[in-house]
Amino acid sequence: MKSREEIMDALSDLADELRKNYKVERIGLFGSYARQEQRPDSDIDLLVDFSDDADLFDLAELKYFMEEKLHHRVDIVPARALRDELKRSVLADVSYV
């Protein structure tokens, strides 16, 4: 099981590639891994600000890429799709690289 620090380091190392290949403007960790409350069955939750020209294919490709790099199940949440009732708790947890 990866630690919060390992995930943040990986995100930081991949930041340029994410911008170039997946139209990611900003990416952050939230949820149980961000709070260091993860369990073995927890997924890694990533909040992503995509560029305006990003589409569903970019999201799907990013999910696959991140799962390959982190060797773990990943959920990608586009920041602009974040529902109001979840926004406060997600933004309280998120750590951006």
PDB file of N, CA and C in Angstrom:
ATOM      1  N   MET A   1       0.854  -1.176   0.000  1.00  0.00           N
ATOM      2  CA  MET A   1       0.000   0.000   0.000  1.00  0.00           C
ATOM      3  C   MET A   1       0.900   1.240   0.000  1.00  0.00           C
ATOM      4  N   LYS A   2       0.622   2.136  -0.908  1.00  0.00           N
ATOM      5  CA  LYS A   2       1.423   3.351  -1.039  1.00  0.00           C
ATOM      6  C   LYS A   2       1.074   4.345   0.065  1.00  0.00           C
ATOM      7  N   SER A   3       2.036   5.179   0.397  1.00  0.00           N
ATOM      8  CA  SER A   3       1.801   6.241   1.372  1.00  0.00           C
ATOM      9  C   SER A   3       1.400   7.517   0.640  1.00  0.00           C
ATOM     10  N   ARG A   4       0.883   8.455   1.382  1.00  0.00           N
ATOM     11  CA  ARG A   4       0.530   9.765   0.839  1.00  0.00           C
ATOM     12  C   ARG A   4       1.750  10.401   0.175  1.00  0.00           C
ATOM     13  N   GLU A   5       2.876  10.334   0.839  1.00  0.00           N
ATOM     14  CA  GLU A   5       4.103  10.948   0.328  1.00  0.00           C
ATOM     15  C   GLU A   5       4.549  10.308  -0.981  1.00  0.00           C
ATOM     16  N   GLU A   6       4.464   8.984  -1.073  1.00  0.00           N
ATOM     17  CA  GLU A   6       4.847   8.298  -2.306  1.00  0.00           C
ATOM     18  C   GLU A   6       3.952   8.721  -3.476  1.00  0.00           C
ATOM     19  N   ILE A   7       2.674   8.858  -3.208  1.00  0.00           N
ATOM     20  CA  ILE A   7       1.745   9.279  -4.264  1.00  0.00           C
ATOM     21  C   ILE A   7       2.032  10.712  -4.675  1.00  0.00           C
ATOM     22  N   MET A   8       2.222  11.590  -3.718  1.00  0.00           N
ATOM     23  CA  MET A   8       2.509  12.990  -4.041  1.00  0.00           C
ATOM     24  C   MET A   8       3.826  13.118  -4.809  1.00  0.00           C
ATOM     25  N   ASP A   9       4.828  12.343  -4.425  1.00  0.00           N
ATOM     26  CA  ASP A   9       6.103  12.347  -5.154  1.00  0.00           C
ATOM     27  C   ASP A   9       5.902  11.882  -6.598  1.00  0.00           C
ATOM     28  N   ALA A  10       5.112  10.826  -6.781  1.00  0.00           N
ATOM     29  CA  ALA A  10       4.850  10.323  -8.128  1.00  0.00           C
ATOM     30  C   ALA A  10       4.108  11.366  -8.962  1.00  0.00           C
ATOM     31  N   LEU A  11       3.115  12.015  -8.376  1.00  0.00           N
ATOM     32  CA  LEU A  11       2.373  13.054  -9.091  1.00  0.00           C
ATOM     33  C   LEU A  11       3.298  14.205  -9.492  1.00  0.00           C
ATOM     34  N   SER A  12       4.162  14.577  -8.590  1.00  0.00           N
ATOM     35  CA  SER A  12       5.106  15.652  -8.873  1.00  0.00           C
ATOM     36  C   SER A  12       6.060  15.260 -10.001  1.00  0.00           C
ATOM     37  N   ASP A  13       6.567  14.038  -9.951  1.00  0.00           N
ATOM     38  CA  ASP A  13       7.480  13.549 -10.991  1.00  0.00           C
ATOM     39  C   ASP A  13       6.804  13.481 -12.357  1.00  0.00           C
ATOM     40  N   LEU A  14       5.504  13.226 -12.371  1.00  0.00           N
ATOM     41  CA  LEU A  14       4.766  13.044 -13.625  1.00  0.00           C
ATOM     42  C   LEU A  14       4.108  14.328 -14.136  1.00  0.00           C
ATOM     43  N   ALA A  15       4.206  15.416 -13.385  1.00  0.00           N
ATOM     44  CA  ALA A  15       3.440  16.634 -13.691  1.00  0.00           C
ATOM     45  C   ALA A  15       3.641  17.120 -15.124  1.00  0.00           C
ATOM     46  N   ASP A  16       4.864  17.189 -15.599  1.00  0.00           N
ATOM     47  CA  ASP A  16       5.108  17.674 -16.961  1.00  0.00           C
ATOM     48  C   ASP A  16       4.479  16.760 -18.011  1.00  0.00           C
ATOM     49  N   GLU A  17       4.611  15.462 -17.798  1.00  0.00           N
ATOM     50  CA  GLU A  17       4.024  14.500 -18.732  1.00  0.00           C
ATOM     51  C   GLU A  17       2.497  14.583 -18.724  1.00  0.00           C
ATOM     52  N   LEU A  18       1.914  14.800 -17.558  1.00  0.00           N
ATOM     53  CA  LEU A  18       0.457  14.910 -17.455  1.00  0.00           C
ATOM     54  C   LEU A  18      -0.049  16.137 -18.208  1.00  0.00           C
ATOM     55  N   ARG A  19       0.674  17.230 -18.090  1.00  0.00           N
ATOM     56  CA  ARG A  19       0.294  18.451 -18.820  1.00  0.00           C
ATOM     57  C   ARG A  19       0.392  18.237 -20.335  1.00  0.00           C
ATOM     58  N   LYS A  20       1.485  17.650 -20.736  1.00  0.00           N
ATOM     59  CA  LYS A  20       1.768  17.488 -22.166  1.00  0.00           C
ATOM     60  C   LYS A  20       0.843  16.472 -22.836  1.00  0.00           C
ATOM     61  N   ASN A  21       0.619  15.330 -22.203  1.00  0.00           N
ATOM     62  CA  ASN A  21      -0.075  14.219 -22.859  1.00  0.00           C
ATOM     63  C   ASN A  21      -1.540  14.041 -22.473  1.00  0.00           C
ATOM     64  N   TYR A  22      -1.968  14.621 -21.350  1.00  0.00           N
ATOM     65  CA  TYR A  22      -3.327  14.346 -20.862  1.00  0.00           C
ATOM     66  C   TYR A  22      -4.131  15.612 -20.571  1.00  0.00           C
ATOM     67  N   LYS A  23      -3.601  16.763 -20.956  1.00  0.00           N
ATOM     68  CA  LYS A  23      -4.301  18.044 -20.820  1.00  0.00           C
ATOM     69  C   LYS A  23      -4.645  18.377 -19.365  1.00  0.00           C
ATOM     70  N   VAL A  24      -3.759  17.979 -18.457  1.00  0.00           N
ATOM     71  CA  VAL A  24      -3.925  18.253 -17.034  1.00  0.00           C
ATOM     72  C   VAL A  24      -3.288  19.594 -16.699  1.00  0.00           C
ATOM     73  N   GLU A  25      -4.063  20.497 -16.154  1.00  0.00           N
ATOM     74  CA  GLU A  25      -3.517  21.785 -15.707  1.00  0.00           C
ATOM     75  C   GLU A  25      -3.075  21.717 -14.251  1.00  0.00           C
ATOM     76  N   ARG A  26      -3.809  20.936 -13.464  1.00  0.00           N
ATOM     77  CA  ARG A  26      -3.467  20.783 -12.046  1.00  0.00           C
ATOM     78  C   ARG A  26      -4.044  19.466 -11.567  1.00  0.00           C
ATOM     79  N   ILE A  27      -3.306  18.787 -10.686  1.00  0.00           N
ATOM     80  CA  ILE A  27      -3.760  17.510 -10.157  1.00  0.00           C
ATOM     81  C   ILE A  27      -3.476  17.467  -8.664  1.00  0.00           C
ATOM     82  N   GLY A  28      -4.405  16.885  -7.929  1.00  0.00           N
ATOM     83  CA  GLY A  28      -4.244  16.801  -6.487  1.00  0.00           C
ATOM     84  C   GLY A  28      -4.818  15.504  -5.929  1.00  0.00           C
ATOM     85  N   LEU A  29      -4.333  15.144  -4.795  1.00  0.00           N
ATOM     86  CA  LEU A  29      -4.770  13.952  -4.073  1.00  0.00           C
ATOM     87  C   LEU A  29      -5.797  14.354  -3.030  1.00  0.00           C
ATOM     88  N   PHE A  30      -6.910  13.592  -2.954  1.00  0.00           N
ATOM     89  CA  PHE A  30      -7.888  13.823  -1.897  1.00  0.00           C
ATOM     90  C   PHE A  30      -8.411  12.475  -1.410  1.00  0.00           C
ATOM     91  N   GLY A  31      -9.301  12.493  -0.456  1.00  0.00           N
ATOM     92  CA  GLY A  31      -9.886  11.250   0.048  1.00  0.00           C
ATOM     93  C   GLY A  31      -9.025  10.594   1.109  1.00  0.00           C
ATOM     94  N   SER A  32      -9.223   9.288   1.246  1.00  0.00           N
ATOM     95  CA  SER A  32      -8.589   8.560   2.352  1.00  0.00           C
ATOM     96  C   SER A  32      -7.062   8.608   2.298  1.00  0.00           C
ATOM     97  N   TYR A  33      -6.468   8.566   1.103  1.00  0.00           N
ATOM     98  CA  TYR A  33      -5.006   8.643   1.018  1.00  0.00           C
ATOM     99  C   TYR A  33      -4.497  10.015   1.436  1.00  0.00           C
ATOM    100  N   ALA A  34      -5.220  11.061   1.086  1.00  0.00           N
ATOM    101  CA  ALA A  34      -4.813  12.415   1.484  1.00  0.00           C
ATOM    102  C   ALA A  34      -4.895  12.591   2.992  1.00  0.00           C
ATOM    103  N   ARG A  35      -5.902  11.940   3.597  1.00  0.00           N
ATOM    104  CA  ARG A  35      -6.078  12.028   5.059  1.00  0.00           C
ATOM    105  C   ARG A  35      -5.255  10.981   5.808  1.00  0.00           C
ATOM    106  N   GLN A  36      -4.561  10.132   5.064  1.00  0.00           N
ATOM    107  CA  GLN A  36      -3.782   9.027   5.629  1.00  0.00           C
ATOM    108  C   GLN A  36      -4.663   8.080   6.432  1.00  0.00           C
ATOM    109  N   GLU A  37      -5.855   7.816   5.889  1.00  0.00           N
ATOM    110  CA  GLU A  37      -6.808   6.895   6.498  1.00  0.00           C
ATOM    111  C   GLU A  37      -7.130   5.733   5.570  1.00  0.00           C
ATOM    112  N   GLN A  38      -6.260   5.490   4.582  1.00  0.00           N
ATOM    113  CA  GLN A  38      -6.519   4.468   3.583  1.00  0.00           C
ATOM    114  C   GLN A  38      -6.492   3.067   4.181  1.00  0.00           C
ATOM    115  N   ARG A  39      -7.233   2.194   3.507  1.00  0.00           N
ATOM    116  CA  ARG A  39      -7.240   0.763   3.821  1.00  0.00           C
ATOM    117  C   ARG A  39      -6.730   0.037   2.575  1.00  0.00           C
ATOM    118  N   PRO A  40      -6.437  -1.239   2.676  1.00  0.00           N
ATOM    119  CA  PRO A  40      -5.945  -1.966   1.493  1.00  0.00           C
ATOM    120  C   PRO A  40      -6.914  -1.915   0.304  1.00  0.00           C
ATOM    121  N   ASP A  41      -8.217  -1.796   0.568  1.00  0.00           N
ATOM    122  CA  ASP A  41      -9.187  -1.761  -0.530  1.00  0.00           C
ATOM    123  C   ASP A  41      -9.541  -0.343  -0.980  1.00  0.00           C
ATOM    124  N   SER A  42      -8.875   0.674  -0.431  1.00  0.00           N
ATOM    125  CA  SER A  42      -9.140   2.064  -0.825  1.00  0.00           C
ATOM    126  C   SER A  42      -8.570   2.338  -2.207  1.00  0.00           C
ATOM    127  N   ASP A  43      -9.299   3.155  -2.969  1.00  0.00           N
ATOM    128  CA  ASP A  43      -8.734   3.609  -4.233  1.00  0.00           C
ATOM    129  C   ASP A  43      -8.046   4.952  -4.008  1.00  0.00           C
ATOM    130  N   ILE A  44      -7.261   5.366  -4.985  1.00  0.00           N
ATOM    131  CA  ILE A  44      -6.559   6.652  -4.918  1.00  0.00           C
ATOM    132  C   ILE A  44      -7.411   7.671  -5.652  1.00  0.00           C
ATOM    133  N   ASP A  45      -7.852   8.700  -4.935  1.00  0.00           N
ATOM    134  CA  ASP A  45      -8.728   9.725  -5.496  1.00  0.00           C
ATOM    135  C   ASP A  45      -7.909  10.923  -5.941  1.00  0.00           C
ATOM    136  N   LEU A  46      -8.053  11.276  -7.227  1.00  0.00           N
ATOM    137  CA  LEU A  46      -7.318  12.399  -7.797  1.00  0.00           C
ATOM    138  C   LEU A  46      -8.292  13.441  -8.337  1.00  0.00           C
ATOM    139  N   LEU A  47      -8.124  14.666  -7.899  1.00  0.00           N
ATOM    140  CA  LEU A  47      -8.907  15.791  -8.396  1.00  0.00           C
ATOM    141  C   LEU A  47      -8.093  16.466  -9.491  1.00  0.00           C
ATOM    142  N   VAL A  48      -8.700  16.624 -10.673  1.00  0.00           N
ATOM    143  CA  VAL A  48      -7.955  17.101 -11.833  1.00  0.00           C
ATOM    144  C   VAL A  48      -8.642  18.315 -12.450  1.00  0.00           C
ATOM    145  N   ASP A  49      -7.847  19.358 -12.658  1.00  0.00           N
ATOM    146  CA  ASP A  49      -8.265  20.489 -13.481  1.00  0.00           C
ATOM    147  C   ASP A  49      -7.735  20.209 -14.880  1.00  0.00           C
ATOM    148  N   PHE A  50      -8.651  19.923 -15.801  1.00  0.00           N
ATOM    149  CA  PHE A  50      -8.281  19.684 -17.195  1.00  0.00           C
ATOM    150  C   PHE A  50      -8.331  20.992 -17.974  1.00  0.00           C
ATOM    151  N   SER A  51      -7.579  21.070 -19.046  1.00  0.00           N
ATOM    152  CA  SER A  51      -7.675  22.223 -19.938  1.00  0.00           C
ATOM    153  C   SER A  51      -9.046  22.201 -20.619  1.00  0.00           C
ATOM    154  N   ASP A  52      -9.445  23.333 -21.159  1.00  0.00           N
ATOM    155  CA  ASP A  52     -10.778  23.468 -21.754  1.00  0.00           C
ATOM    156  C   ASP A  52     -11.007  22.540 -22.940  1.00  0.00           C
ATOM    157  N   ASP A  53      -9.954  22.132 -23.635  1.00  0.00           N
ATOM    158  CA  ASP A  53     -10.121  21.272 -24.797  1.00  0.00           C
ATOM    159  C   ASP A  53     -10.043  19.779 -24.473  1.00  0.00           C
ATOM    160  N   ALA A  54      -9.980  19.427 -23.195  1.00  0.00           N
ATOM    161  CA  ALA A  54      -9.943  18.021 -22.797  1.00  0.00           C
ATOM    162  C   ALA A  54     -11.322  17.391 -23.001  1.00  0.00           C
ATOM    163  N   ASP A  55     -11.310  16.084 -23.254  1.00  0.00           N
ATOM    164  CA  ASP A  55     -12.572  15.370 -23.434  1.00  0.00           C
ATOM    165  C   ASP A  55     -12.561  14.071 -22.622  1.00  0.00           C
ATOM    166  N   LEU A  56     -13.603  13.274 -22.798  1.00  0.00           N
ATOM    167  CA  LEU A  56     -13.747  12.037 -22.040  1.00  0.00           C
ATOM    168  C   LEU A  56     -12.606  11.065 -22.316  1.00  0.00           C
ATOM    169  N   PHE A  57     -12.076  11.087 -23.521  1.00  0.00           N
ATOM    170  CA  PHE A  57     -10.955  10.207 -23.852  1.00  0.00           C
ATOM    171  C   PHE A  57      -9.713  10.572 -23.044  1.00  0.00           C
ATOM    172  N   ASP A  58      -9.486  11.866 -22.836  1.00  0.00           N
ATOM    173  CA  ASP A  58      -8.358  12.295 -22.014  1.00  0.00           C
ATOM    174  C   ASP A  58      -8.506  11.778 -20.585  1.00  0.00           C
ATOM    175  N   LEU A  59      -9.705  11.848 -20.047  1.00  0.00           N
ATOM    176  CA  LEU A  59      -9.962  11.360 -18.698  1.00  0.00           C
ATOM    177  C   LEU A  59      -9.704   9.855 -18.624  1.00  0.00           C
ATOM    178  N   ALA A  60     -10.234   9.107 -19.576  1.00  0.00           N
ATOM    179  CA  ALA A  60     -10.061   7.652 -19.579  1.00  0.00           C
ATOM    180  C   ALA A  60      -8.591   7.266 -19.726  1.00  0.00           C
ATOM    181  N   GLU A  61      -7.884   7.947 -20.612  1.00  0.00           N
ATOM    182  CA  GLU A  61      -6.464   7.654 -20.801  1.00  0.00           C
ATOM    183  C   GLU A  61      -5.649   8.015 -19.574  1.00  0.00           C
ATOM    184  N   LEU A  62      -6.012   9.111 -18.910  1.00  0.00           N
ATOM    185  CA  LEU A  62      -5.320   9.503 -17.682  1.00  0.00           C
ATOM    186  C   LEU A  62      -5.529   8.464 -16.595  1.00  0.00           C
ATOM    187  N   LYS A  63      -6.757   7.983 -16.450  1.00  0.00           N
ATOM    188  CA  LYS A  63      -7.046   6.960 -15.444  1.00  0.00           C
ATOM    189  C   LYS A  63      -6.185   5.717 -15.669  1.00  0.00           C
ATOM    190  N   TYR A  64      -6.146   5.250 -16.905  1.00  0.00           N
ATOM    191  CA  TYR A  64      -5.347   4.062 -17.231  1.00  0.00           C
ATOM    192  C   TYR A  64      -3.867   4.316 -16.942  1.00  0.00           C
ATOM    193  N   PHE A  65      -3.361   5.472 -17.376  1.00  0.00           N
ATOM    194  CA  PHE A  65      -1.957   5.826 -17.174  1.00  0.00           C
ATOM    195  C   PHE A  65      -1.611   5.876 -15.684  1.00  0.00           C
ATOM    196  N   MET A  66      -2.451   6.519 -14.885  1.00  0.00           N
ATOM    197  CA  MET A  66      -2.160   6.653 -13.458  1.00  0.00           C
ATOM    198  C   MET A  66      -2.225   5.303 -12.749  1.00  0.00           C
ATOM    199  N   GLU A  67      -3.151   4.446 -13.147  1.00  0.00           N
ATOM    200  CA  GLU A  67      -3.207   3.114 -12.539  1.00  0.00           C
ATOM    201  C   GLU A  67      -1.958   2.310 -12.871  1.00  0.00           C
ATOM    202  N   GLU A  68      -1.455   2.466 -14.074  1.00  0.00           N
ATOM    203  CA  GLU A  68      -0.215   1.795 -14.465  1.00  0.00           C
ATOM    204  C   GLU A  68       0.975   2.332 -13.654  1.00  0.00           C
ATOM    205  N   LYS A  69       1.044   3.635 -13.493  1.00  0.00           N
ATOM    206  CA  LYS A  69       2.176   4.248 -12.782  1.00  0.00           C
ATOM    207  C   LYS A  69       2.126   3.998 -11.280  1.00  0.00           C
ATOM    208  N   LEU A  70       0.926   4.025 -10.699  1.00  0.00           N
ATOM    209  CA  LEU A  70       0.798   3.876  -9.248  1.00  0.00           C
ATOM    210  C   LEU A  70       0.553   2.429  -8.817  1.00  0.00           C
ATOM    211  N   HIS A  71       0.304   1.551  -9.786  1.00  0.00           N
ATOM    212  CA  HIS A  71       0.038   0.133  -9.495  1.00  0.00           C
ATOM    213  C   HIS A  71      -1.106  -0.014  -8.489  1.00  0.00           C
ATOM    214  N   HIS A  72      -2.148   0.777  -8.715  1.00  0.00           N
ATOM    215  CA  HIS A  72      -3.282   0.769  -7.796  1.00  0.00           C
ATOM    216  C   HIS A  72      -4.504   1.326  -8.521  1.00  0.00           C
ATOM    217  N   ARG A  73      -5.676   0.982  -8.029  1.00  0.00           N
ATOM    218  CA  ARG A  73      -6.929   1.503  -8.588  1.00  0.00           C
ATOM    219  C   ARG A  73      -7.036   3.004  -8.311  1.00  0.00           C
ATOM    220  N   VAL A  74      -7.411   3.768  -9.338  1.00  0.00           N
ATOM    221  CA  VAL A  74      -7.459   5.225  -9.253  1.00  0.00           C
ATOM    222  C   VAL A  74      -8.834   5.718  -9.685  1.00  0.00           C
ATOM    223  N   ASP A  75      -9.354   6.715  -8.986  1.00  0.00           N
ATOM    224  CA  ASP A  75     -10.546   7.440  -9.418  1.00  0.00           C
ATOM    225  C   ASP A  75     -10.124   8.848  -9.805  1.00  0.00           C
ATOM    226  N   ILE A  76     -10.508   9.260 -11.009  1.00  0.00           N
ATOM    227  CA  ILE A  76     -10.232  10.604 -11.505  1.00  0.00           C
ATOM    228  C   ILE A  76     -11.519  11.415 -11.395  1.00  0.00           C
ATOM    229  N   VAL A  77     -11.450  12.538 -10.708  1.00  0.00           N
ATOM    230  CA  VAL A  77     -12.604  13.427 -10.588  1.00  0.00           C
ATOM    231  C   VAL A  77     -12.238  14.762 -11.226  1.00  0.00           C
ATOM    232  N   PRO A  78     -12.889  15.097 -12.348  1.00  0.00           N
ATOM    233  CA  PRO A  78     -12.644  16.419 -12.943  1.00  0.00           C
ATOM    234  C   PRO A  78     -13.169  17.505 -12.008  1.00  0.00           C
ATOM    235  N   ALA A  79     -12.364  18.500 -11.734  1.00  0.00           N
ATOM    236  CA  ALA A  79     -12.749  19.549 -10.777  1.00  0.00           C
ATOM    237  C   ALA A  79     -14.044  20.245 -11.184  1.00  0.00           C
ATOM    238  N   ARG A  80     -14.223  20.471 -12.471  1.00  0.00           N
ATOM    239  CA  ARG A  80     -15.433  21.183 -12.897  1.00  0.00           C
ATOM    240  C   ARG A  80     -16.689  20.324 -12.799  1.00  0.00           C
ATOM    241  N   ALA A  81     -16.534  19.016 -12.611  1.00  0.00           N
ATOM    242  CA  ALA A  81     -17.683  18.123 -12.459  1.00  0.00           C
ATOM    243  C   ALA A  81     -18.020  17.859 -10.991  1.00  0.00           C
ATOM    244  N   LEU A  82     -17.287  18.446 -10.092  1.00  0.00           N
ATOM    245  CA  LEU A  82     -17.486  18.228  -8.666  1.00  0.00           C
ATOM    246  C   LEU A  82     -18.826  18.817  -8.226  1.00  0.00           C
ATOM    247  N   ARG A  83     -19.666  17.979  -7.656  1.00  0.00           N
ATOM    248  CA  ARG A  83     -20.982  18.425  -7.197  1.00  0.00           C
ATOM    249  C   ARG A  83     -20.842  19.309  -5.963  1.00  0.00           C
ATOM    250  N   ASP A  84     -21.739  20.285  -5.856  1.00  0.00           N
ATOM    251  CA  ASP A  84     -21.687  21.250  -4.760  1.00  0.00           C
ATOM    252  C   ASP A  84     -21.683  20.588  -3.391  1.00  0.00           C
ATOM    253  N   GLU A  85     -22.467  19.515  -3.230  1.00  0.00           N
ATOM    254  CA  GLU A  85     -22.560  18.882  -1.911  1.00  0.00           C
ATOM    255  C   GLU A  85     -21.275  18.163  -1.508  1.00  0.00           C
ATOM    256  N   LEU A  86     -20.393  17.899  -2.452  1.00  0.00           N
ATOM    257  CA  LEU A  86     -19.116  17.249  -2.140  1.00  0.00           C
ATOM    258  C   LEU A  86     -17.941  18.214  -2.155  1.00  0.00           C
ATOM    259  N   LYS A  87     -18.137  19.359  -2.756  1.00  0.00           N
ATOM    260  CA  LYS A  87     -17.033  20.288  -2.999  1.00  0.00           C
ATOM    261  C   LYS A  87     -16.297  20.673  -1.723  1.00  0.00           C
ATOM    262  N   ARG A  88     -17.012  21.002  -0.668  1.00  0.00           N
ATOM    263  CA  ARG A  88     -16.374  21.456   0.563  1.00  0.00           C
ATOM    264  C   ARG A  88     -15.456  20.385   1.159  1.00  0.00           C
ATOM    265  N   SER A  89     -15.951  19.146   1.241  1.00  0.00           N
ATOM    266  CA  SER A  89     -15.124  18.099   1.856  1.00  0.00           C
ATOM    267  C   SER A  89     -13.934  17.735   0.971  1.00  0.00           C
ATOM    268  N   VAL A  90     -14.132  17.720  -0.337  1.00  0.00           N
ATOM    269  CA  VAL A  90     -13.022  17.407  -1.253  1.00  0.00           C
ATOM    270  C   VAL A  90     -11.960  18.498  -1.181  1.00  0.00           C
ATOM    271  N   LEU A  91     -12.377  19.736  -1.234  1.00  0.00           N
ATOM    272  CA  LEU A  91     -11.409  20.839  -1.212  1.00  0.00           C
ATOM    273  C   LEU A  91     -10.698  20.953   0.134  1.00  0.00           C
ATOM    274  N   ALA A  92     -11.334  20.483   1.201  1.00  0.00           N
ATOM    275  CA  ALA A  92     -10.677  20.478   2.510  1.00  0.00           C
ATOM    276  C   ALA A  92      -9.551  19.441   2.563  1.00  0.00           C
ATOM    277  N   ASP A  93      -9.699  18.361   1.792  1.00  0.00           N
ATOM    278  CA  ASP A  93      -8.717  17.266   1.785  1.00  0.00           C
ATOM    279  C   ASP A  93      -7.611  17.433   0.771  1.00  0.00           C
ATOM    280  N   VAL A  94      -7.877  18.093  -0.332  1.00  0.00           N
ATOM    281  CA  VAL A  94      -7.002  18.014  -1.499  1.00  0.00           C
ATOM    282  C   VAL A  94      -5.635  18.647  -1.249  1.00  0.00           C
ATOM    283  N   SER A  95      -4.638  17.955  -1.753  1.00  0.00           N
ATOM    284  CA  SER A  95      -3.263  18.471  -1.780  1.00  0.00           C
ATOM    285  C   SER A  95      -2.808  18.445  -3.217  1.00  0.00           C
ATOM    286  N   TYR A  96      -2.549  19.631  -3.775  1.00  0.00           N
ATOM    287  CA  TYR A  96      -2.120  19.740  -5.172  1.00  0.00           C
ATOM    288  C   TYR A  96      -0.602  19.672  -5.275  1.00  0.00           C
ATOM    289  N   VAL A  97      -0.134  19.218  -6.438  1.00  0.00           N
ATOM    290  CA  VAL A  97       1.303  19.242  -6.710  1.00  0.00           C
ATOM    291  C   VAL A  97       1.622  20.420  -7.601  1.00  0.00           C
TER     292      VAL A  97
END
